[in-house]
Amino acid sequence: MSFLSTEQLPFEGMSHEFEGEKYGAPISAYLVNAKQGEGPALHTHPYAEVLFTIEGHAIATVGSEQREIAARDTVVVPPNTPHRFVNSGKTPLRQIDVHANGRFIQTDVE
């Protein structure tokens, strides 16, 4: 059993990173705190990802579809599907992006 605070997790770019295999968990997650205009490059994973928007607004691209998302919205990204999000609001975008894998595997498309 592990008890962690967010501050104990590695911080990269705009997210704290929970890589599950380090703690005996079969999932990983990015705890996103993106500023206006921030977001990852278009990318894929060989597993599903679920984005839970906690606060703020973003433009989410999944495959060929693009939508505005906001707090309380959930986006399910199928395996091997190009996707990204960009904070489109004036306040921070807070998300929990859950990866169905114990470690992160990402291939940038852009």
PDB file of N, CA and C in Angstrom:
ATOM      1  N   MET A   1       0.851  -1.174   0.000  1.00  0.00           N
ATOM      2  CA  MET A   1       0.000   0.000   0.000  1.00  0.00           C
ATOM      3  C   MET A   1       0.894   1.234   0.000  1.00  0.00           C
ATOM      4  N   SER A   2       0.504   2.240  -0.802  1.00  0.00           N
ATOM      5  CA  SER A   2       1.252   3.496  -0.865  1.00  0.00           C
ATOM      6  C   SER A   2       0.322   4.666  -0.593  1.00  0.00           C
ATOM      7  N   PHE A   3       0.828   5.630   0.134  1.00  0.00           N
ATOM      8  CA  PHE A   3       0.127   6.890   0.348  1.00  0.00           C
ATOM      9  C   PHE A   3       1.034   7.982  -0.191  1.00  0.00           C
ATOM     10  N   LEU A   4       0.529   8.773  -1.141  1.00  0.00           N
ATOM     11  CA  LEU A   4       1.348   9.794  -1.784  1.00  0.00           C
ATOM     12  C   LEU A   4       0.611  11.122  -1.795  1.00  0.00           C
ATOM     13  N   SER A   5       1.365  12.208  -1.715  1.00  0.00           N
ATOM     14  CA  SER A   5       0.782  13.516  -1.996  1.00  0.00           C
ATOM     15  C   SER A   5       1.185  13.871  -3.423  1.00  0.00           C
ATOM     16  N   THR A   6       0.413  14.716  -4.045  1.00  0.00           N
ATOM     17  CA  THR A   6       0.708  15.122  -5.424  1.00  0.00           C
ATOM     18  C   THR A   6       2.129  15.654  -5.545  1.00  0.00           C
ATOM     19  N   GLU A   7       2.578  16.399  -4.549  1.00  0.00           N
ATOM     20  CA  GLU A   7       3.914  17.000  -4.596  1.00  0.00           C
ATOM     21  C   GLU A   7       5.033  15.956  -4.625  1.00  0.00           C
ATOM     22  N   GLN A   8       4.741  14.725  -4.214  1.00  0.00           N
ATOM     23  CA  GLN A   8       5.750  13.662  -4.248  1.00  0.00           C
ATOM     24  C   GLN A   8       5.912  13.061  -5.640  1.00  0.00           C
ATOM     25  N   LEU A   9       4.959  13.323  -6.525  1.00  0.00           N
ATOM     26  CA  LEU A   9       5.015  12.765  -7.874  1.00  0.00           C
ATOM     27  C   LEU A   9       5.886  13.631  -8.767  1.00  0.00           C
ATOM     28  N   PRO A  10       6.590  13.031  -9.730  1.00  0.00           N
ATOM     29  CA  PRO A  10       7.393  13.817 -10.669  1.00  0.00           C
ATOM     30  C   PRO A  10       6.510  14.822 -11.408  1.00  0.00           C
ATOM     31  N   PHE A  11       7.064  16.005 -11.682  1.00  0.00           N
ATOM     32  CA  PHE A  11       6.351  17.035 -12.440  1.00  0.00           C
ATOM     33  C   PHE A  11       7.089  17.248 -13.749  1.00  0.00           C
ATOM     34  N   GLU A  12       6.353  17.141 -14.853  1.00  0.00           N
ATOM     35  CA  GLU A  12       6.930  17.319 -16.187  1.00  0.00           C
ATOM     36  C   GLU A  12       6.013  18.210 -16.999  1.00  0.00           C
ATOM     37  N   GLY A  13       6.513  19.325 -17.492  1.00  0.00           N
ATOM     38  CA  GLY A  13       5.729  20.214 -18.341  1.00  0.00           C
ATOM     39  C   GLY A  13       4.575  20.864 -17.608  1.00  0.00           C
ATOM     40  N   MET A  14       3.397  20.247 -17.686  1.00  0.00           N
ATOM     41  CA  MET A  14       2.194  20.811 -17.060  1.00  0.00           C
ATOM     42  C   MET A  14       1.491  19.809 -16.157  1.00  0.00           C
ATOM     43  N   SER A  15       2.159  18.677 -15.841  1.00  0.00           N
ATOM     44  CA  SER A  15       1.471  17.607 -15.119  1.00  0.00           C
ATOM     45  C   SER A  15       2.359  16.918 -14.083  1.00  0.00           C
ATOM     46  N   HIS A  16       1.736  16.542 -12.972  1.00  0.00           N
ATOM     47  CA  HIS A  16       2.352  15.576 -12.078  1.00  0.00           C
ATOM     48  C   HIS A  16       2.053  14.207 -12.681  1.00  0.00           C
ATOM     49  N   GLU A  17       2.996  13.284 -12.561  1.00  0.00           N
ATOM     50  CA  GLU A  17       2.872  11.992 -13.224  1.00  0.00           C
ATOM     51  C   GLU A  17       2.844  10.855 -12.213  1.00  0.00           C
ATOM     52  N   PHE A  18       1.756  10.085 -12.248  1.00  0.00           N
ATOM     53  CA  PHE A  18       1.646   8.877 -11.441  1.00  0.00           C
ATOM     54  C   PHE A  18       1.826   7.697 -12.383  1.00  0.00           C
ATOM     55  N   GLU A  19       2.965   7.023 -12.283  1.00  0.00           N
ATOM     56  CA  GLU A  19       3.222   5.847 -13.111  1.00  0.00           C
ATOM     57  C   GLU A  19       2.980   4.614 -12.240  1.00  0.00           C
ATOM     58  N   GLY A  20       1.857   3.958 -12.472  1.00  0.00           N
ATOM     59  CA  GLY A  20       1.341   2.931 -11.597  1.00  0.00           C
ATOM     60  C   GLY A  20       2.251   1.764 -11.295  1.00  0.00           C
ATOM     61  N   GLU A  21       3.013   1.299 -12.282  1.00  0.00           N
ATOM     62  CA  GLU A  21       3.827   0.098 -12.040  1.00  0.00           C
ATOM     63  C   GLU A  21       4.831   0.307 -10.915  1.00  0.00           C
ATOM     64  N   LYS A  22       5.214   1.538 -10.652  1.00  0.00           N
ATOM     65  CA  LYS A  22       6.140   1.829  -9.543  1.00  0.00           C
ATOM     66  C   LYS A  22       5.498   1.567  -8.186  1.00  0.00           C
ATOM     67  N   TYR A  23       4.160   1.507  -8.172  1.00  0.00           N
ATOM     68  CA  TYR A  23       3.417   1.356  -6.914  1.00  0.00           C
ATOM     69  C   TYR A  23       2.517   0.120  -6.919  1.00  0.00           C
ATOM     70  N   GLY A  24       2.717  -0.779  -7.876  1.00  0.00           N
ATOM     71  CA  GLY A  24       1.931  -1.999  -7.945  1.00  0.00           C
ATOM     72  C   GLY A  24       0.526  -1.797  -8.490  1.00  0.00           C
ATOM     73  N   ALA A  25       0.305  -0.723  -9.246  1.00  0.00           N
ATOM     74  CA  ALA A  25      -1.015  -0.424  -9.815  1.00  0.00           C
ATOM     75  C   ALA A  25      -1.004  -0.653 -11.328  1.00  0.00           C
ATOM     76  N   PRO A  26      -2.113  -1.126 -11.912  1.00  0.00           N
ATOM     77  CA  PRO A  26      -2.173  -1.404 -13.344  1.00  0.00           C
ATOM     78  C   PRO A  26      -2.558  -0.200 -14.198  1.00  0.00           C
ATOM     79  N   ILE A  27      -2.629   0.990 -13.610  1.00  0.00           N
ATOM     80  CA  ILE A  27      -2.963   2.214 -14.349  1.00  0.00           C
ATOM     81  C   ILE A  27      -1.925   3.281 -14.061  1.00  0.00           C
ATOM     82  N   SER A  28      -1.913   4.308 -14.908  1.00  0.00           N
ATOM     83  CA  SER A  28      -1.088   5.493 -14.704  1.00  0.00           C
ATOM     84  C   SER A  28      -1.980   6.713 -14.908  1.00  0.00           C
ATOM     85  N   ALA A  29      -1.513   7.885 -14.462  1.00  0.00           N
ATOM     86  CA  ALA A  29      -2.326   9.089 -14.624  1.00  0.00           C
ATOM     87  C   ALA A  29      -1.459  10.330 -14.657  1.00  0.00           C
ATOM     88  N   TYR A  30      -1.899  11.268 -15.498  1.00  0.00           N
ATOM     89  CA  TYR A  30      -1.350  12.619 -15.482  1.00  0.00           C
ATOM     90  C   TYR A  30      -2.320  13.478 -14.691  1.00  0.00           C
ATOM     91  N   LEU A  31      -1.814  14.240 -13.735  1.00  0.00           N
ATOM     92  CA  LEU A  31      -2.611  15.216 -13.005  1.00  0.00           C
ATOM     93  C   LEU A  31      -2.282  16.566 -13.634  1.00  0.00           C
ATOM     94  N   VAL A  32      -3.116  16.964 -14.576  1.00  0.00           N
ATOM     95  CA  VAL A  32      -2.852  18.106 -15.456  1.00  0.00           C
ATOM     96  C   VAL A  32      -3.253  19.415 -14.793  1.00  0.00           C
ATOM     97  N   ASN A  33      -2.389  20.422 -14.950  1.00  0.00           N
ATOM     98  CA  ASN A  33      -2.671  21.798 -14.536  1.00  0.00           C
ATOM     99  C   ASN A  33      -2.090  22.689 -15.631  1.00  0.00           C
ATOM    100  N   ALA A  34      -2.863  22.865 -16.724  1.00  0.00           N
ATOM    101  CA  ALA A  34      -2.373  23.560 -17.924  1.00  0.00           C
ATOM    102  C   ALA A  34      -2.807  25.023 -17.940  1.00  0.00           C
ATOM    103  N   LYS A  35      -1.888  25.884 -18.307  1.00  0.00           N
ATOM    104  CA  LYS A  35      -2.190  27.306 -18.487  1.00  0.00           C
ATOM    105  C   LYS A  35      -2.876  27.524 -19.836  1.00  0.00           C
ATOM    106  N   GLN A  36      -3.430  28.707 -20.016  1.00  0.00           N
ATOM    107  CA  GLN A  36      -4.090  29.060 -21.272  1.00  0.00           C
ATOM    108  C   GLN A  36      -3.157  28.768 -22.446  1.00  0.00           C
ATOM    109  N   GLY A  37      -3.675  28.056 -23.452  1.00  0.00           N
ATOM    110  CA  GLY A  37      -2.904  27.733 -24.653  1.00  0.00           C
ATOM    111  C   GLY A  37      -2.030  26.497 -24.534  1.00  0.00           C
ATOM    112  N   GLU A  38      -1.873  25.946 -23.329  1.00  0.00           N
ATOM    113  CA  GLU A  38      -1.026  24.760 -23.152  1.00  0.00           C
ATOM    114  C   GLU A  38      -1.776  23.474 -23.471  1.00  0.00           C
ATOM    115  N   GLY A  39      -1.019  22.488 -23.907  1.00  0.00           N
ATOM    116  CA  GLY A  39      -1.552  21.163 -24.170  1.00  0.00           C
ATOM    117  C   GLY A  39      -0.475  20.333 -24.839  1.00  0.00           C
ATOM    118  N   PRO A  40      -0.631  19.020 -24.837  1.00  0.00           N
ATOM    119  CA  PRO A  40       0.364  18.158 -25.456  1.00  0.00           C
ATOM    120  C   PRO A  40       0.258  18.182 -26.981  1.00  0.00           C
ATOM    121  N   ALA A  41       1.312  17.737 -27.630  1.00  0.00           N
ATOM    122  CA  ALA A  41       1.288  17.546 -29.079  1.00  0.00           C
ATOM    123  C   ALA A  41       0.327  16.401 -29.402  1.00  0.00           C
ATOM    124  N   LEU A  42      -0.134  16.348 -30.642  1.00  0.00           N
ATOM    125  CA  LEU A  42      -0.959  15.231 -31.094  1.00  0.00           C
ATOM    126  C   LEU A  42      -0.151  13.949 -30.901  1.00  0.00           C
ATOM    127  N   HIS A  43      -0.756  12.939 -30.262  1.00  0.00           N
ATOM    128  CA  HIS A  43      -0.027  11.720 -29.922  1.00  0.00           C
ATOM    129  C   HIS A  43      -0.968  10.529 -29.827  1.00  0.00           C
ATOM    130  N   THR A  44      -0.383   9.334 -29.678  1.00  0.00           N
ATOM    131  CA  THR A  44      -1.148   8.097 -29.506  1.00  0.00           C
ATOM    132  C   THR A  44      -0.571   7.298 -28.341  1.00  0.00           C
ATOM    133  N   HIS A  45      -1.372   6.329 -27.870  1.00  0.00           N
ATOM    134  CA  HIS A  45      -0.945   5.334 -26.887  1.00  0.00           C
ATOM    135  C   HIS A  45      -1.481   3.984 -27.363  1.00  0.00           C
ATOM    136  N   PRO A  46      -0.803   2.882 -27.063  1.00  0.00           N
ATOM    137  CA  PRO A  46      -1.303   1.568 -27.485  1.00  0.00           C
ATOM    138  C   PRO A  46      -2.374   1.004 -26.543  1.00  0.00           C
ATOM    139  N   TYR A  47      -2.943   1.848 -25.731  1.00  0.00           N
ATOM    140  CA  TYR A  47      -3.980   1.474 -24.765  1.00  0.00           C
ATOM    141  C   TYR A  47      -4.970   2.631 -24.658  1.00  0.00           C
ATOM    142  N   ALA A  48      -6.109   2.402 -24.033  1.00  0.00           N
ATOM    143  CA  ALA A  48      -7.122   3.453 -23.870  1.00  0.00           C
ATOM    144  C   ALA A  48      -6.669   4.483 -22.837  1.00  0.00           C
ATOM    145  N   GLU A  49      -7.196   5.698 -22.997  1.00  0.00           N
ATOM    146  CA  GLU A  49      -6.960   6.788 -22.038  1.00  0.00           C
ATOM    147  C   GLU A  49      -8.307   7.458 -21.776  1.00  0.00           C
ATOM    148  N   VAL A  50      -8.546   7.844 -20.531  1.00  0.00           N
ATOM    149  CA  VAL A  50      -9.772   8.543 -20.162  1.00  0.00           C
ATOM    150  C   VAL A  50      -9.391   9.866 -19.517  1.00  0.00           C
ATOM    151  N   LEU A  51      -9.931  10.969 -20.075  1.00  0.00           N
ATOM    152  CA  LEU A  51      -9.645  12.314 -19.579  1.00  0.00           C
ATOM    153  C   LEU A  51     -10.840  12.810 -18.777  1.00  0.00           C
ATOM    154  N   PHE A  52     -10.619  13.086 -17.494  1.00  0.00           N
ATOM    155  CA  PHE A  52     -11.652  13.634 -16.625  1.00  0.00           C
ATOM    156  C   PHE A  52     -11.334  15.106 -16.412  1.00  0.00           C
ATOM    157  N   THR A  53     -12.190  15.993 -16.902  1.00  0.00           N
ATOM    158  CA  THR A  53     -11.955  17.431 -16.741  1.00  0.00           C
ATOM    159  C   THR A  53     -12.543  17.875 -15.408  1.00  0.00           C
ATOM    160  N   ILE A  54     -11.709  18.441 -14.576  1.00  0.00           N
ATOM    161  CA  ILE A  54     -12.095  18.871 -13.234  1.00  0.00           C
ATOM    162  C   ILE A  54     -12.458  20.356 -13.223  1.00  0.00           C
ATOM    163  N   GLU A  55     -11.678  21.148 -13.959  1.00  0.00           N
ATOM    164  CA  GLU A  55     -11.856  22.604 -13.951  1.00  0.00           C
ATOM    165  C   GLU A  55     -11.321  23.176 -15.264  1.00  0.00           C
ATOM    166  N   GLY A  56     -11.993  24.201 -15.773  1.00  0.00           N
ATOM    167  CA  GLY A  56     -11.520  24.891 -16.964  1.00  0.00           C
ATOM    168  C   GLY A  56     -12.191  24.408 -18.240  1.00  0.00           C
ATOM    169  N   HIS A  57     -11.616  24.862 -19.365  1.00  0.00           N
ATOM    170  CA  HIS A  57     -12.138  24.557 -20.697  1.00  0.00           C
ATOM    171  C   HIS A  57     -10.982  24.161 -21.603  1.00  0.00           C
ATOM    172  N   ALA A  58     -11.278  23.302 -22.583  1.00  0.00           N
ATOM    173  CA  ALA A  58     -10.264  22.888 -23.547  1.00  0.00           C
ATOM    174  C   ALA A  58     -10.921  22.519 -24.860  1.00  0.00           C
ATOM    175  N   ILE A  59     -10.120  22.527 -25.899  1.00  0.00           N
ATOM    176  CA  ILE A  59     -10.498  21.937 -27.175  1.00  0.00           C
ATOM    177  C   ILE A  59      -9.823  20.570 -27.207  1.00  0.00           C
ATOM    178  N   ALA A  60     -10.622  19.523 -27.301  1.00  0.00           N
ATOM    179  CA  ALA A  60     -10.100  18.155 -27.364  1.00  0.00           C
ATOM    180  C   ALA A  60     -10.231  17.632 -28.785  1.00  0.00           C
ATOM    181  N   THR A  61      -9.175  17.052 -29.269  1.00  0.00           N
ATOM    182  CA  THR A  61      -9.170  16.404 -30.580  1.00  0.00           C
ATOM    183  C   THR A  61      -8.961  14.915 -30.346  1.00  0.00           C
ATOM    184  N   VAL A  62      -9.872  14.094 -30.871  1.00  0.00           N
ATOM    185  CA  VAL A  62      -9.766  12.635 -30.788  1.00  0.00           C
ATOM    186  C   VAL A  62     -10.048  12.112 -32.189  1.00  0.00           C
ATOM    187  N   GLY A  63      -9.019  11.565 -32.819  1.00  0.00           N
ATOM    188  CA  GLY A  63      -9.156  11.146 -34.214  1.00  0.00           C
ATOM    189  C   GLY A  63      -9.456  12.363 -35.063  1.00  0.00           C
ATOM    190  N   SER A  64     -10.530  12.315 -35.855  1.00  0.00           N
ATOM    191  CA  SER A  64     -10.893  13.445 -36.715  1.00  0.00           C
ATOM    192  C   SER A  64     -11.942  14.354 -36.077  1.00  0.00           C
ATOM    193  N   GLU A  65     -12.322  14.059 -34.840  1.00  0.00           N
ATOM    194  CA  GLU A  65     -13.360  14.840 -34.155  1.00  0.00           C
ATOM    195  C   GLU A  65     -12.733  15.837 -33.176  1.00  0.00           C
ATOM    196  N   GLN A  66     -13.319  17.030 -33.130  1.00  0.00           N
ATOM    197  CA  GLN A  66     -12.848  18.077 -32.223  1.00  0.00           C
ATOM    198  C   GLN A  66     -14.045  18.647 -31.469  1.00  0.00           C
ATOM    199  N   ARG A  67     -13.891  18.806 -30.136  1.00  0.00           N
ATOM    200  CA  ARG A  67     -14.983  19.321 -29.307  1.00  0.00           C
ATOM    201  C   ARG A  67     -14.451  20.217 -28.210  1.00  0.00           C
ATOM    202  N   GLU A  68     -15.298  21.160 -27.793  1.00  0.00           N
ATOM    203  CA  GLU A  68     -15.021  21.965 -26.601  1.00  0.00           C
ATOM    204  C   GLU A  68     -15.426  21.115 -25.400  1.00  0.00           C
ATOM    205  N   ILE A  69     -14.550  21.018 -24.412  1.00  0.00           N
ATOM    206  CA  ILE A  69     -14.876  20.301 -23.187  1.00  0.00           C
ATOM    207  C   ILE A  69     -14.716  21.242 -22.003  1.00  0.00           C
ATOM    208  N   ALA A  70     -15.399  20.919 -20.913  1.00  0.00           N
ATOM    209  CA  ALA A  70     -15.373  21.762 -19.720  1.00  0.00           C
ATOM    210  C   ALA A  70     -15.461  20.877 -18.484  1.00  0.00           C
ATOM    211  N   ALA A  71     -15.420  21.524 -17.317  1.00  0.00           N
ATOM    212  CA  ALA A  71     -15.503  20.807 -16.048  1.00  0.00           C
ATOM    213  C   ALA A  71     -16.654  19.814 -16.055  1.00  0.00           C
ATOM    214  N   ARG A  72     -16.400  18.644 -15.527  1.00  0.00           N
ATOM    215  CA  ARG A  72     -17.333  17.519 -15.414  1.00  0.00           C
ATOM    216  C   ARG A  72     -17.495  16.741 -16.716  1.00  0.00           C
ATOM    217  N   ASP A  73     -16.758  17.093 -17.779  1.00  0.00           N
ATOM    218  CA  ASP A  73     -16.795  16.318 -19.015  1.00  0.00           C
ATOM    219  C   ASP A  73     -15.740  15.207 -18.954  1.00  0.00           C
ATOM    220  N   THR A  74     -16.055  14.104 -19.605  1.00  0.00           N
ATOM    221  CA  THR A  74     -15.153  12.959 -19.691  1.00  0.00           C
ATOM    222  C   THR A  74     -14.961  12.607 -21.157  1.00  0.00           C
ATOM    223  N   VAL A  75     -13.718  12.340 -21.543  1.00  0.00           N
ATOM    224  CA  VAL A  75     -13.389  11.956 -22.914  1.00  0.00           C
ATOM    225  C   VAL A  75     -12.720  10.585 -22.861  1.00  0.00           C
ATOM    226  N   VAL A  76     -13.223   9.646 -23.651  1.00  0.00           N
ATOM    227  CA  VAL A  76     -12.632   8.310 -23.739  1.00  0.00           C
ATOM    228  C   VAL A  76     -11.895   8.217 -25.074  1.00  0.00           C
ATOM    229  N   VAL A  77     -10.606   7.949 -24.999  1.00  0.00           N
ATOM    230  CA  VAL A  77      -9.768   7.852 -26.193  1.00  0.00           C
ATOM    231  C   VAL A  77      -9.418   6.382 -26.420  1.00  0.00           C
ATOM    232  N   PRO A  78      -9.854   5.797 -27.548  1.00  0.00           N
ATOM    233  CA  PRO A  78      -9.516   4.387 -27.834  1.00  0.00           C
ATOM    234  C   PRO A  78      -8.007   4.213 -28.078  1.00  0.00           C
ATOM    235  N   PRO A  79      -7.504   3.002 -27.927  1.00  0.00           N
ATOM    236  CA  PRO A  79      -6.089   2.740 -28.206  1.00  0.00           C
ATOM    237  C   PRO A  79      -5.709   3.160 -29.629  1.00  0.00           C
ATOM    238  N   ASN A  80      -4.475   3.625 -29.786  1.00  0.00           N
ATOM    239  CA  ASN A  80      -3.879   3.964 -31.082  1.00  0.00           C
ATOM    240  C   ASN A  80      -4.609   5.077 -31.830  1.00  0.00           C
ATOM    241  N   THR A  81      -5.360   5.917 -31.130  1.00  0.00           N
ATOM    242  CA  THR A  81      -6.100   7.019 -31.756  1.00  0.00           C
ATOM    243  C   THR A  81      -5.366   8.335 -31.503  1.00  0.00           C
ATOM    244  N   PRO A  82      -5.007   9.075 -32.555  1.00  0.00           N
ATOM    245  CA  PRO A  82      -4.363  10.371 -32.343  1.00  0.00           C
ATOM    246  C   PRO A  82      -5.282  11.301 -31.549  1.00  0.00           C
ATOM    247  N   HIS A  83      -4.715  11.970 -30.557  1.00  0.00           N
ATOM    248  CA  HIS A  83      -5.509  12.866 -29.721  1.00  0.00           C
ATOM    249  C   HIS A  83      -4.627  13.930 -29.074  1.00  0.00           C
ATOM    250  N   ARG A  84      -5.310  14.971 -28.608  1.00  0.00           N
ATOM    251  CA  ARG A  84      -4.647  16.043 -27.867  1.00  0.00           C
ATOM    252  C   ARG A  84      -5.717  16.924 -27.259  1.00  0.00           C
ATOM    253  N   PHE A  85      -5.308  17.836 -26.390  1.00  0.00           N
ATOM    254  CA  PHE A  85      -6.187  18.863 -25.848  1.00  0.00           C
ATOM    255  C   PHE A  85      -5.371  20.129 -25.679  1.00  0.00           C
ATOM    256  N   VAL A  86      -6.055  21.264 -25.739  1.00  0.00           N
ATOM    257  CA  VAL A  86      -5.413  22.566 -25.534  1.00  0.00           C
ATOM    258  C   VAL A  86      -6.328  23.396 -24.644  1.00  0.00           C
ATOM    259  N   ASN A  87      -5.775  23.987 -23.600  1.00  0.00           N
ATOM    260  CA  ASN A  87      -6.560  24.853 -22.720  1.00  0.00           C
ATOM    261  C   ASN A  87      -7.056  26.035 -23.540  1.00  0.00           C
ATOM    262  N   SER A  88      -8.367  26.124 -23.706  1.00  0.00           N
ATOM    263  CA  SER A  88      -8.969  27.198 -24.501  1.00  0.00           C
ATOM    264  C   SER A  88      -9.599  28.281 -23.630  1.00  0.00           C
ATOM    265  N   GLY A  89      -9.452  28.154 -22.318  1.00  0.00           N
ATOM    266  CA  GLY A  89     -10.046  29.125 -21.408  1.00  0.00           C
ATOM    267  C   GLY A  89      -9.037  30.126 -20.883  1.00  0.00           C
ATOM    268  N   LYS A  90      -9.504  30.990 -20.013  1.00  0.00           N
ATOM    269  CA  LYS A  90      -8.642  32.010 -19.404  1.00  0.00           C
ATOM    270  C   LYS A  90      -8.147  31.587 -18.022  1.00  0.00           C
ATOM    271  N   THR A  91      -8.651  30.455 -17.523  1.00  0.00           N
ATOM    272  CA  THR A  91      -8.243  29.925 -16.221  1.00  0.00           C
ATOM    273  C   THR A  91      -7.490  28.617 -16.427  1.00  0.00           C
ATOM    274  N   PRO A  92      -6.801  28.134 -15.403  1.00  0.00           N
ATOM    275  CA  PRO A  92      -6.098  26.858 -15.553  1.00  0.00           C
ATOM    276  C   PRO A  92      -7.057  25.724 -15.912  1.00  0.00           C
ATOM    277  N   LEU A  93      -6.555  24.789 -16.698  1.00  0.00           N
ATOM    278  CA  LEU A  93      -7.274  23.564 -17.040  1.00  0.00           C
ATOM    279  C   LEU A  93      -6.744  22.481 -16.118  1.00  0.00           C
ATOM    280  N   ARG A  94      -7.636  21.896 -15.342  1.00  0.00           N
ATOM    281  CA  ARG A  94      -7.257  20.802 -14.450  1.00  0.00           C
ATOM    282  C   ARG A  94      -7.965  19.536 -14.913  1.00  0.00           C
ATOM    283  N   GLN A  95      -7.171  18.511 -15.178  1.00  0.00           N
ATOM    284  CA  GLN A  95      -7.689  17.223 -15.631  1.00  0.00           C
ATOM    285  C   GLN A  95      -6.965  16.108 -14.895  1.00  0.00           C
ATOM    286  N   ILE A  96      -7.607  14.959 -14.847  1.00  0.00           N
ATOM    287  CA  ILE A  96      -6.949  13.721 -14.458  1.00  0.00           C
ATOM    288  C   ILE A  96      -7.073  12.813 -15.671  1.00  0.00           C
ATOM    289  N   ASP A  97      -5.938  12.503 -16.277  1.00  0.00           N
ATOM    290  CA  ASP A  97      -5.897  11.698 -17.496  1.00  0.00           C
ATOM    291  C   ASP A  97      -5.397  10.296 -17.135  1.00  0.00           C
ATOM    292  N   VAL A  98      -6.313   9.339 -17.131  1.00  0.00           N
ATOM    293  CA  VAL A  98      -6.015   7.981 -16.688  1.00  0.00           C
ATOM    294  C   VAL A  98      -5.630   7.115 -17.875  1.00  0.00           C
ATOM    295  N   HIS A  99      -4.492   6.463 -17.765  1.00  0.00           N
ATOM    296  CA  HIS A  99      -3.965   5.580 -18.803  1.00  0.00           C
ATOM    297  C   HIS A  99      -4.163   4.139 -18.356  1.00  0.00           C
ATOM    298  N   ALA A 100      -4.726   3.318 -19.238  1.00  0.00           N
ATOM    299  CA  ALA A 100      -5.001   1.911 -18.921  1.00  0.00           C
ATOM    300  C   ALA A 100      -3.739   1.065 -19.070  1.00  0.00           C
ATOM    301  N   ASN A 101      -2.689   1.488 -18.372  1.00  0.00           N
ATOM    302  CA  ASN A 101      -1.413   0.787 -18.422  1.00  0.00           C
ATOM    303  C   ASN A 101      -0.595   1.207 -17.200  1.00  0.00           C
ATOM    304  N   GLY A 102       0.229   0.327 -16.710  1.00  0.00           N
ATOM    305  CA  GLY A 102       1.046   0.621 -15.545  1.00  0.00           C
ATOM    306  C   GLY A 102       2.201   1.571 -15.802  1.00  0.00           C
ATOM    307  N   ARG A 103       2.464   1.863 -17.062  1.00  0.00           N
ATOM    308  CA  ARG A 103       3.501   2.858 -17.402  1.00  0.00           C
ATOM    309  C   ARG A 103       3.059   3.615 -18.642  1.00  0.00           C
ATOM    310  N   PHE A 104       3.615   4.800 -18.812  1.00  0.00           N
ATOM    311  CA  PHE A 104       3.260   5.637 -19.954  1.00  0.00           C
ATOM    312  C   PHE A 104       3.990   5.159 -21.202  1.00  0.00           C
ATOM    313  N   ILE A 105       3.245   5.018 -22.302  1.00  0.00           N
ATOM    314  CA  ILE A 105       3.815   4.735 -23.617  1.00  0.00           C
ATOM    315  C   ILE A 105       3.165   5.733 -24.560  1.00  0.00           C
ATOM    316  N   GLN A 106       3.952   6.639 -25.110  1.00  0.00           N
ATOM    317  CA  GLN A 106       3.395   7.696 -25.954  1.00  0.00           C
ATOM    318  C   GLN A 106       4.225   7.888 -27.209  1.00  0.00           C
ATOM    319  N   THR A 107       3.543   7.999 -28.331  1.00  0.00           N
ATOM    320  CA  THR A 107       4.195   8.293 -29.608  1.00  0.00           C
ATOM    321  C   THR A 107       3.610   9.594 -30.135  1.00  0.00           C
ATOM    322  N   ASP A 108       4.459  10.627 -30.269  1.00  0.00           N
ATOM    323  CA  ASP A 108       4.001  11.893 -30.825  1.00  0.00           C
ATOM    324  C   ASP A 108       3.786  11.771 -32.319  1.00  0.00           C
ATOM    325  N   VAL A 109       2.674  12.338 -32.796  1.00  0.00           N
ATOM    326  CA  VAL A 109       2.330  12.305 -34.210  1.00  0.00           C
ATOM    327  C   VAL A 109       2.813  13.575 -34.887  1.00  0.00           C
ATOM    328  N   GLU A 110       2.797  14.680 -34.173  1.00  0.00           N
ATOM    329  CA  GLU A 110       3.245  15.976 -34.731  1.00  0.00           C
ATOM    330  C   GLU A 110       4.725  16.158 -34.504  1.00  0.00           C
TER     331      GLU A 110
END
